Each structure stands twice: as C-alpha cells, then as structure tokens.
Protein backbone atom coordinates (compact mmCIF):
# COMPACT_ATOMS: atom_id res chain seq x y z
CA UNK A 1 55.18 -108.04 91.34
CA UNK A 2 51.78 -109.40 92.23
CA UNK A 3 50.41 -105.98 92.99
CA UNK A 4 51.43 -104.70 89.57
CA UNK A 5 49.69 -107.55 87.76
CA UNK A 6 46.59 -106.80 89.80
CA UNK A 7 46.79 -103.17 88.75
CA UNK A 8 47.00 -104.15 85.08
CA UNK A 9 44.05 -106.40 85.48
CA UNK A 10 42.06 -103.61 87.10
CA UNK A 11 42.85 -101.17 84.26
CA UNK A 12 42.18 -103.70 81.52
CA UNK A 13 38.51 -103.78 80.58
CA UNK A 14 36.74 -107.01 80.50
CA UNK A 15 35.98 -108.79 77.29
CA UNK A 16 32.30 -108.02 77.73
CA UNK A 17 32.99 -104.33 78.07
CA UNK A 18 35.12 -104.25 74.94
CA UNK A 19 32.41 -106.04 73.06
CA UNK A 20 29.79 -103.57 74.22
CA UNK A 21 32.01 -100.61 73.21
CA UNK A 22 32.58 -102.01 69.73
CA UNK A 23 28.84 -102.60 69.29
CA UNK A 24 28.08 -99.06 70.42
CA UNK A 25 30.57 -97.63 67.96
CA UNK A 26 29.04 -99.70 65.12
CA UNK A 27 25.53 -98.53 65.98
CA UNK A 28 26.75 -94.94 66.08
CA UNK A 29 28.30 -95.19 62.62
CA UNK A 30 25.12 -96.78 61.24
CA UNK A 31 22.78 -94.07 62.58
CA UNK A 32 21.32 -91.90 59.77
CA UNK A 33 22.68 -88.33 59.70
CA UNK A 34 20.64 -85.30 58.64
CA UNK A 35 20.97 -84.55 54.96
CA UNK A 36 23.07 -81.47 55.55
CA UNK A 37 25.46 -83.35 57.89
CA UNK A 38 26.08 -86.34 55.69
CA UNK A 39 29.45 -86.73 54.14
CA UNK A 40 30.43 -89.08 51.43
CA UNK A 41 33.53 -90.86 52.57
CA UNK A 42 35.46 -92.81 50.04
CA UNK A 43 36.35 -96.28 51.12
CA UNK A 44 39.48 -96.12 48.98
CA UNK A 45 42.74 -94.86 50.31
CA UNK A 46 43.85 -91.60 48.64
CA UNK A 47 47.51 -90.84 48.48
CA UNK A 48 48.08 -87.19 49.56
CA UNK A 49 50.56 -86.68 46.72
CA UNK A 50 47.99 -87.88 44.14
CA UNK A 51 45.32 -85.64 45.70
CA UNK A 52 47.56 -82.56 45.37
CA UNK A 53 48.36 -83.51 41.79
CA UNK A 54 44.62 -83.86 41.02
CA UNK A 55 43.94 -80.39 42.37
CA UNK A 56 46.71 -78.96 40.17
CA UNK A 57 45.27 -80.73 37.11
CA UNK A 58 41.83 -79.29 37.85
CA UNK A 59 43.27 -75.80 38.04
CA UNK A 60 45.14 -76.36 34.77
CA UNK A 61 41.99 -77.56 33.02
CA UNK A 62 40.12 -74.50 34.29
CA UNK A 63 42.88 -72.21 33.05
CA UNK A 64 42.89 -74.03 29.73
CA UNK A 65 39.13 -73.52 29.36
CA UNK A 66 39.55 -69.81 30.12
CA UNK A 67 42.31 -69.54 27.52
CA UNK A 68 40.10 -71.32 24.98
CA UNK A 69 37.26 -68.86 25.67
CA UNK A 70 39.62 -65.91 25.35
CA UNK A 71 40.93 -67.39 22.11
CA UNK A 72 37.41 -67.77 20.71
CA UNK A 73 36.57 -64.17 21.64
CA UNK A 74 39.75 -62.94 19.97
CA UNK A 75 39.00 -64.94 16.82
CA UNK A 76 35.46 -63.52 16.67
CA UNK A 77 36.78 -59.99 17.24
CA UNK A 78 39.38 -60.51 14.52
CA UNK A 79 36.71 -61.76 12.12
CA UNK A 80 34.52 -58.72 12.87
CA UNK A 81 37.47 -56.39 12.34
CA UNK A 82 38.29 -58.08 9.03
CA UNK A 83 34.64 -57.87 7.93
CA UNK A 84 34.53 -54.18 8.89
CA UNK A 85 37.78 -53.52 7.09
CA UNK A 86 36.53 -55.38 4.03
CA UNK A 87 33.25 -53.43 4.04
CA UNK A 88 35.07 -50.12 4.47
CA UNK A 89 37.50 -51.02 1.69
CA UNK A 90 34.64 -52.09 -0.55
CA UNK A 91 32.79 -48.82 0.03
CA UNK A 92 35.98 -46.83 -0.53
CA UNK A 93 36.67 -48.70 -3.79
CA UNK A 94 33.07 -48.13 -4.88
CA UNK A 95 33.32 -44.42 -4.11
CA UNK A 96 36.67 -44.22 -5.87
CA UNK A 97 35.15 -45.92 -8.92
CA UNK A 98 32.16 -43.56 -8.71
CA UNK A 99 34.54 -40.60 -8.59
CA UNK A 100 36.39 -42.04 -11.58
CA UNK A 101 33.21 -41.98 -13.70
CA UNK A 102 33.09 -38.17 -13.70
CA UNK A 103 33.74 -36.42 -16.98
CA UNK A 104 37.32 -35.45 -17.73
CA UNK A 105 36.24 -32.35 -19.60
CA UNK A 106 38.69 -29.74 -20.87
CA UNK A 107 35.83 -27.24 -21.15
CA UNK A 108 36.07 -25.06 -18.04
CA UNK A 109 32.67 -24.29 -16.54
CA UNK A 110 33.45 -22.27 -13.44
CA UNK A 111 36.11 -22.00 -10.77
CA UNK A 112 34.32 -22.32 -7.45
CA UNK A 113 36.07 -22.74 -4.11
CA UNK A 114 35.35 -26.23 -2.78
CA UNK A 115 37.79 -26.11 0.12
CA UNK A 116 35.27 -25.13 2.76
CA UNK A 117 31.63 -25.94 3.35
CA UNK A 118 29.44 -23.28 1.77
CA UNK A 119 26.22 -21.94 3.20
CA UNK A 120 24.37 -22.83 -0.02
CA UNK A 121 25.24 -25.89 -2.10
CA UNK A 122 23.94 -25.87 -5.68
CA UNK A 123 23.80 -29.17 -7.54
CA UNK A 124 22.69 -29.66 -11.14
CA UNK A 125 20.74 -32.90 -11.57
CA UNK A 126 20.43 -34.40 -15.06
CA UNK A 127 18.23 -37.33 -15.99
CA UNK A 128 19.07 -38.74 -19.39
CA UNK A 129 17.21 -40.90 -21.87
CA UNK A 130 18.15 -44.49 -22.68
CA UNK A 131 21.09 -43.62 -24.92
CA UNK A 132 22.39 -40.92 -22.57
CA UNK A 133 22.55 -38.27 -25.32
CA UNK A 134 19.72 -35.98 -24.25
CA UNK A 135 18.94 -34.63 -20.78
CA UNK A 136 15.19 -34.96 -20.24
CA UNK A 137 15.46 -33.82 -16.60
CA UNK A 138 17.30 -30.56 -15.89
CA UNK A 139 17.00 -29.53 -12.29
CA UNK A 140 18.81 -27.27 -9.84
CA UNK A 141 18.84 -28.67 -6.31
CA UNK A 142 19.92 -26.12 -3.70
CA UNK A 143 20.56 -26.98 -0.05
CA UNK A 144 21.08 -24.36 2.63
CA UNK A 145 23.39 -25.77 5.31
CA UNK A 146 22.19 -23.17 7.84
CA UNK A 147 18.40 -23.29 7.45
CA UNK A 148 18.41 -26.96 6.27
CA UNK A 149 16.05 -25.97 3.42
CA UNK A 150 16.18 -27.87 0.14
CA UNK A 151 14.82 -26.27 -3.02
CA UNK A 152 14.31 -27.99 -6.37
CA UNK A 153 13.92 -25.79 -9.46
CA UNK A 154 13.21 -27.49 -12.78
CA UNK A 155 13.86 -26.12 -16.24
CA UNK A 156 11.70 -27.73 -18.99
CA UNK A 157 13.57 -29.88 -21.48
CA UNK A 158 12.17 -27.90 -24.45
CA UNK A 159 13.42 -24.54 -23.15
CA UNK A 160 14.78 -22.39 -25.97
CA UNK A 161 18.44 -21.63 -25.34
CA UNK A 162 21.39 -20.12 -27.14
CA UNK A 163 24.78 -21.59 -26.34
CA UNK A 164 27.28 -19.27 -24.74
CA UNK A 165 30.09 -17.80 -26.84
CA UNK A 166 32.58 -20.04 -25.00
CA UNK A 167 30.57 -23.14 -25.88
CA UNK A 168 30.27 -22.14 -29.53
CA UNK A 169 34.01 -21.36 -29.73
CA UNK A 170 34.85 -24.72 -28.23
CA UNK A 171 32.67 -26.61 -30.73
CA UNK A 172 34.15 -24.64 -33.63
CA UNK A 173 37.68 -25.40 -32.41
CA UNK A 174 36.81 -29.10 -32.27
CA UNK A 175 35.20 -28.94 -35.74
CA UNK A 176 31.95 -30.09 -34.13
CA UNK A 177 28.44 -29.19 -35.29
CA UNK A 178 26.97 -25.96 -33.94
CA UNK A 179 23.16 -25.83 -33.99
CA UNK A 180 21.41 -23.08 -35.94
CA UNK A 181 17.66 -22.74 -35.39
CA UNK A 182 15.37 -20.03 -36.67
CA UNK A 183 18.37 -18.16 -38.05
CA UNK A 184 20.03 -17.94 -34.61
CA UNK A 185 23.52 -19.44 -34.51
CA UNK A 186 23.93 -21.68 -31.46
CA UNK A 187 20.19 -21.94 -30.71
CA UNK A 188 18.61 -25.27 -29.71
CA UNK A 189 16.53 -26.87 -26.97
CA UNK A 190 18.01 -27.32 -23.51
CA UNK A 191 17.74 -31.12 -23.78
CA UNK A 192 19.85 -31.03 -26.96
CA UNK A 193 22.82 -29.20 -25.40
CA UNK A 194 23.79 -32.51 -23.82
CA UNK A 195 23.96 -34.15 -27.24
CA UNK A 196 25.77 -31.37 -29.13
CA UNK A 197 28.50 -31.23 -26.46
CA UNK A 198 29.84 -34.62 -27.44
CA UNK A 199 31.41 -37.37 -25.37
CA UNK A 200 33.31 -36.10 -22.33
CA UNK A 201 31.65 -32.67 -22.28
CA UNK A 202 27.93 -33.40 -21.98
CA UNK A 203 27.54 -32.51 -18.30
CA UNK A 204 30.05 -29.65 -18.55
CA UNK A 205 27.98 -28.01 -21.29
CA UNK A 206 24.69 -28.66 -19.48
CA UNK A 207 26.04 -27.20 -16.24
CA UNK A 208 27.28 -24.08 -18.10
CA UNK A 209 23.88 -23.71 -19.76
CA UNK A 210 22.02 -24.00 -16.43
CA UNK A 211 24.33 -21.40 -14.87
CA UNK A 212 23.62 -19.07 -17.80
CA UNK A 213 19.84 -19.54 -17.61
CA UNK A 214 19.48 -19.26 -13.83
CA UNK A 215 22.39 -16.90 -13.08
CA UNK A 216 23.73 -19.11 -10.30
CA UNK A 217 27.03 -20.80 -9.62
CA UNK A 218 26.69 -24.58 -9.65
CA UNK A 219 29.03 -26.53 -7.38
CA UNK A 220 28.47 -30.10 -8.56
CA UNK A 221 26.45 -32.18 -10.95
CA UNK A 222 24.77 -35.58 -10.61
CA UNK A 223 23.70 -37.54 -13.65
CA UNK A 224 21.48 -40.61 -13.73
CA UNK A 225 19.46 -42.57 -16.25
CA UNK A 226 16.12 -44.35 -15.96
CA UNK A 227 17.77 -47.60 -14.88
CA UNK A 228 19.33 -45.85 -11.89
CA UNK A 229 16.02 -44.18 -11.07
CA UNK A 230 14.16 -47.50 -11.01
CA UNK A 231 16.85 -49.18 -8.90
CA UNK A 232 16.77 -46.38 -6.32
CA UNK A 233 13.00 -46.71 -5.98
CA UNK A 234 13.30 -50.49 -5.59
CA UNK A 235 16.19 -50.10 -3.12
CA UNK A 236 13.95 -48.19 -0.68
CA UNK A 237 11.12 -50.68 -1.08
CA UNK A 238 8.90 -48.58 -3.35
CA UNK A 239 7.00 -45.35 -2.71
CA UNK A 240 3.37 -44.67 -1.86
CA UNK A 241 2.07 -42.01 -4.25
CA UNK A 242 -1.25 -40.66 -5.51
CA UNK A 243 -1.49 -41.07 -9.30
CA UNK A 244 -3.35 -37.93 -10.47
CA UNK A 245 -5.22 -39.53 -13.40
CA UNK A 246 -5.62 -42.71 -15.42
CA UNK A 247 -2.45 -43.01 -17.49
CA UNK A 248 -2.16 -45.00 -20.71
CA UNK A 249 0.52 -44.45 -23.31
CA UNK A 250 2.12 -47.12 -25.48
CA UNK A 251 5.78 -46.15 -25.94
CA UNK A 252 6.97 -49.61 -26.98
CA UNK A 253 7.40 -48.58 -30.63
CA UNK A 254 10.17 -46.17 -29.53
CA UNK A 255 11.74 -48.52 -27.02
CA UNK A 256 9.84 -47.12 -24.04
CA UNK A 257 7.47 -48.84 -21.62
CA UNK A 258 3.75 -49.47 -21.91
CA UNK A 259 2.36 -46.94 -19.43
CA UNK A 260 -0.80 -48.18 -17.76
CA UNK A 261 -1.58 -46.72 -14.33
CA UNK A 262 -4.90 -46.09 -12.63
CA UNK A 263 -5.80 -42.95 -10.72
CA UNK A 264 -5.52 -43.16 -6.95
CA UNK A 265 -3.11 -43.94 -4.14
CA UNK A 266 -0.74 -46.71 -5.15
CA UNK A 267 2.48 -48.35 -4.03
CA UNK A 268 4.86 -47.78 -6.93
CA UNK A 269 7.88 -49.97 -7.53
CA UNK A 270 10.67 -48.99 -9.91
CA UNK A 271 8.84 -49.99 -13.11
CA UNK A 272 5.62 -48.20 -12.16
CA UNK A 273 7.55 -45.14 -10.98
CA UNK A 274 9.21 -44.96 -14.41
CA UNK A 275 5.77 -45.02 -16.05
CA UNK A 276 4.63 -42.18 -13.78
CA UNK A 277 7.54 -39.82 -14.41
CA UNK A 278 7.63 -40.45 -18.19
CA UNK A 279 3.91 -39.93 -18.84
CA UNK A 280 2.92 -36.65 -20.53
CA UNK A 281 0.77 -37.59 -23.50
CA UNK A 282 -2.52 -37.14 -21.62
CA UNK A 283 -1.68 -33.88 -19.84
CA UNK A 284 -3.10 -30.64 -21.16
CA UNK A 285 0.15 -28.88 -20.19
CA UNK A 286 2.31 -31.73 -21.52
CA UNK A 287 5.88 -31.35 -20.21
CA UNK A 288 5.01 -28.73 -17.57
CA UNK A 289 2.54 -31.08 -15.88
CA UNK A 290 4.99 -33.95 -16.17
CA UNK A 291 7.64 -31.84 -14.38
CA UNK A 292 5.14 -31.06 -11.61
CA UNK A 293 4.37 -34.76 -11.10
CA UNK A 294 8.09 -35.60 -11.21
CA UNK A 295 8.82 -33.05 -8.49
CA UNK A 296 6.00 -34.36 -6.30
CA UNK A 297 7.26 -37.91 -6.68
CA UNK A 298 10.87 -36.92 -5.96
CA UNK A 299 9.68 -35.18 -2.77
CA UNK A 300 7.88 -38.38 -1.72
CA UNK A 301 11.00 -40.40 -2.58
CA UNK A 302 13.24 -38.11 -0.49
CA UNK A 303 10.81 -38.38 2.42
CA UNK A 304 10.97 -42.19 2.15
CA UNK A 305 14.78 -42.20 1.91
CA UNK A 306 15.17 -39.90 4.92
CA UNK A 307 12.87 -41.90 7.19
CA UNK A 308 14.73 -43.56 10.05
CA UNK A 309 13.32 -46.98 9.12
CA UNK A 310 14.69 -46.74 5.59
CA UNK A 311 18.08 -45.45 6.71
CA UNK A 312 18.43 -48.35 9.14
CA UNK A 313 17.26 -51.17 6.85
CA UNK A 314 17.91 -50.01 3.28
CA UNK A 315 21.01 -47.83 3.53
CA UNK A 316 23.43 -50.46 2.19
CA UNK A 317 21.28 -51.21 -0.86
CA UNK A 318 20.74 -47.51 -1.50
CA UNK A 319 24.44 -46.65 -1.32
CA UNK A 320 25.25 -49.59 -3.61
CA UNK A 321 22.76 -48.40 -6.26
CA UNK A 322 23.82 -44.75 -6.07
CA UNK A 323 27.50 -45.59 -6.44
CA UNK A 324 26.88 -48.08 -9.25
CA UNK A 325 24.31 -46.23 -11.34
CA UNK A 326 25.04 -42.50 -11.10
CA UNK A 327 27.78 -40.17 -12.27
CA UNK A 328 29.01 -37.09 -10.42
CA UNK A 329 31.97 -34.77 -10.09
CA UNK A 330 31.68 -34.86 -6.28
CA UNK A 331 34.94 -36.23 -4.89
CA UNK A 332 35.06 -38.75 -2.06
CA UNK A 333 36.44 -36.11 0.32
CA UNK A 334 33.68 -33.64 -0.56
CA UNK A 335 30.97 -36.28 -0.29
CA UNK A 336 32.12 -37.15 3.23
CA UNK A 337 31.95 -33.45 4.18
CA UNK A 338 28.31 -33.16 3.17
CA UNK A 339 26.93 -36.61 4.01
CA UNK A 340 26.32 -35.52 7.62
CA UNK A 341 23.53 -33.23 6.41
CA UNK A 342 21.42 -36.17 5.17
CA UNK A 343 19.90 -36.62 8.63
CA UNK A 344 18.88 -32.94 8.66
CA UNK A 345 16.64 -33.18 5.61
CA UNK A 346 13.08 -32.33 6.61
CA UNK A 347 10.31 -32.97 4.05
CA UNK A 348 8.52 -29.91 5.43
CA UNK A 349 11.47 -27.78 4.27
CA UNK A 350 11.56 -29.13 0.71
CA UNK A 351 10.11 -27.00 -2.10
CA UNK A 352 9.74 -27.68 -5.81
CA UNK A 353 9.23 -25.12 -8.56
CA UNK A 354 9.42 -24.80 -12.33
CA UNK A 355 10.79 -21.69 -13.95
CA UNK A 356 7.92 -19.54 -15.29
CA UNK A 357 7.32 -19.10 -19.00
CA UNK A 358 5.20 -20.11 -21.96
CA UNK A 359 5.64 -23.01 -24.30
CA UNK A 360 4.66 -24.80 -27.44
CA UNK A 361 7.23 -26.69 -29.43
CA UNK A 362 9.70 -24.44 -27.57
CA UNK A 363 9.40 -23.24 -23.99
CA UNK A 364 10.35 -19.57 -23.59
CA UNK A 365 11.40 -18.64 -20.07
CA UNK A 366 10.09 -15.55 -18.32
CA UNK A 367 13.46 -14.03 -17.40
CA UNK A 368 12.10 -11.56 -14.87
CA UNK A 369 9.93 -14.18 -13.19
CA UNK A 370 12.86 -16.62 -13.13
CA UNK A 371 15.08 -14.03 -11.45
CA UNK A 372 12.42 -13.49 -8.76
CA UNK A 373 12.17 -17.23 -8.22
CA UNK A 374 15.95 -17.65 -7.87
CA UNK A 375 16.22 -14.64 -5.53
CA UNK A 376 13.45 -16.08 -3.36
CA UNK A 377 14.51 -19.73 -3.18
CA UNK A 378 18.29 -19.48 -3.42
CA UNK A 379 19.09 -16.07 -1.92
CA UNK A 380 16.17 -15.76 0.51
CA UNK A 381 14.88 -12.48 -0.98
CA UNK A 382 11.10 -12.38 -0.73
CA UNK A 383 9.35 -11.25 -3.93
CA UNK A 384 7.65 -7.89 -3.79
CA UNK A 385 3.89 -8.35 -3.57
CA UNK A 386 1.95 -6.66 -6.32
CA UNK A 387 -0.47 -3.99 -5.04
CA UNK A 388 -3.07 -2.02 -6.91
CA UNK A 389 -2.69 1.75 -6.93
CA UNK A 390 -5.29 3.29 -4.66
CA UNK A 391 -6.18 6.98 -5.02
CA UNK A 392 -7.83 8.67 -2.11
CA UNK A 393 -10.87 10.75 -2.79
C-alpha cells in the first residue's frame, strides 16, 4: 500500500509546477496574434440548436429577399407590358379613327387592285383652304418601290378643266349645280371641282379629275389643311429653308395671315412656313412660282422627316399630328404594308415638277408636254431629245 501512495505522489505534480503551467497558459492566451490569425470568440455560450435555427433563418431571409427582387422585376415587366399594350392600342385606335375619316363616297373613281404591293404607288395629295371647300394644292406623289424614287408633280389650282361625263351625270342626278364657263358645260377651275362635288364626294371628284388630266391610275388620296401643315412642321422642330425674296402680303382682310419674311436662310416654324407656301402676290409668275417654292419646301420637309435624328426623337409627335389632322382612304392594313418604305426615302431621289402650260386667269395645260412628263417620271420613259435637222453638203 505504501508503494502505491508513493507512486501517486511521484505522478502528481507539485503545487509550484501547476502554478507555473497555469501562468504559462495565461500568458499564451494573452499573446497578440497576427491580424489574419485572430478569431473573435464569443464569451457567451451558444446552444447548438439555436445556432442551427439562426442559420435557417438567415437562409430564409436571403430567399425572401430574392423573392422580393423577383417580384419587383415582374411588376416592372408587367407595367412595361401594360404601357406597351396601351400605346399599341392607342395607336391602333388613332389609325382606326383616321381610317374612319375617309369619304364614304358613292361616286366610283376607279377599281384598282390593292391586294398586293405595286411597283408604283400613286397618291393624290390635296391641300385645302380654311373652309375645306377648295383644293389649293393638287399634287400627284408617285413612289417606285423598286428604284425607291419619289416624284412630285403639281397641277396649278387655276388649271382649266371640264368635268368628266360621269361627274356631270352624278351632279345632275343629285340635282346639284353643274358649272358652265365660257359656254362649256362642266367647265371650271381645278380648285373648284372640290367645291362643286359637295360633301362626301370632294376628294372622289378631285381624284377622278387628276386621273383624267394626267392619264394615271391613282391608288390613294391624302387631304390636309393649313392647320395640319403647320403642326407637321412644328412636330419635326421646324425646317431650315432659303427664302427666295422679301415677302410681304397682308391677307388679314380675308382671314389669312400677315406675310412678312425676309430673304435668306431661315429656320421656319409652322407659322412662318405657312406664310412661305401661301405667298404669291410678289411673284412675276404668281401661282407657278408659288408651286415651285412649295415643292422645294416640301422636299426640305421630307429630308428633315426622314433624317435618323428626327425619326428617333420626333416620330411619336409626327404620327400623332398626321393621324389627327389628315384624311385619307388608306386603310390601316395598307398603311402597315407601305410604312416599311419610309426608311428608304432618299432626298437625292426626290424630284418635283409642275405640268407645263400657259396661264392667266386660267392655266391651260400643254397636253403633249404633260404626257412626256408623266411618261418620264412615272413610267421611266426618257423624253426624246430634240435635234436640229442637219443636211450634208
């Protein structure tokens, strides 16, 4: 028994040794660790079950945040879809309303096939006065879908015309007035055809008259007034244009504007553009010179509309004005077929002409010269150059 107690005493460290070991351990725990080796040890006891529960809560909160983000994204996407649908519906309604403004005429003009895209699209463009009775602008706009050429051919408002037999018969059947000028039954000025036709037939009569004068088949018509013209110019931010002369003409006594423009390059807004295209009092050629200036301005306007900057920034305003302020027999389906060609318009391929002839109070067309012009611009037949007869000696 004694030997065993001695063994236990030998294995049991002395009190001094235990003290030294405890002091060494305390010093070791107090020694500063490198920054990367330090660990923050909580002095509180953490229950393992609570720790596992905390980790599950953290994962749940993370999943909840993800679901919230996904929800926000879905809400934003839904809002964008609703806005797009609203915009599309608004445009469709506008186009449907625009289509509904077309004349419901029972006077048949022509039966052209609109089912397929034609190589040449002929559109009659009419610009009316304030009351909408007379067509002061009568223009054929022809676009070749193959060559991407656009030709504008104007017919002066004072052109002497005789209504077709179909037009006269229709007016007689309706007990409407048939003009009679210079002893010719059915004779009047081109601008007056619009008025004599009566409500619901104005554009139908004007289209038929343009087809008769130019010997072309017209596919559609577009009609606008001066208000629409000014709004279109303002919608594209105005047009830079060289005013050919000092222009002053007081039209306020007849309800028109006071025209006061100075010669030179100017930035024309809608009001000033109206002054430019209405001025004719100071021109030696009166209406013929006015048509020339109108065509030059329209070319500059088309160039501005077709610029990429305008299409990107002003397209919405432009579409809004066109649908609100113009009238046409182009259906929504047909408009969508041809709208793709807008990007193909090249100002270098745009021409403007006026039918040849002589005028005073009436403008008398040169029929042979007009046929040559139509063959050249619309049908691509070059005019035969005039050559002097040369006799050899």
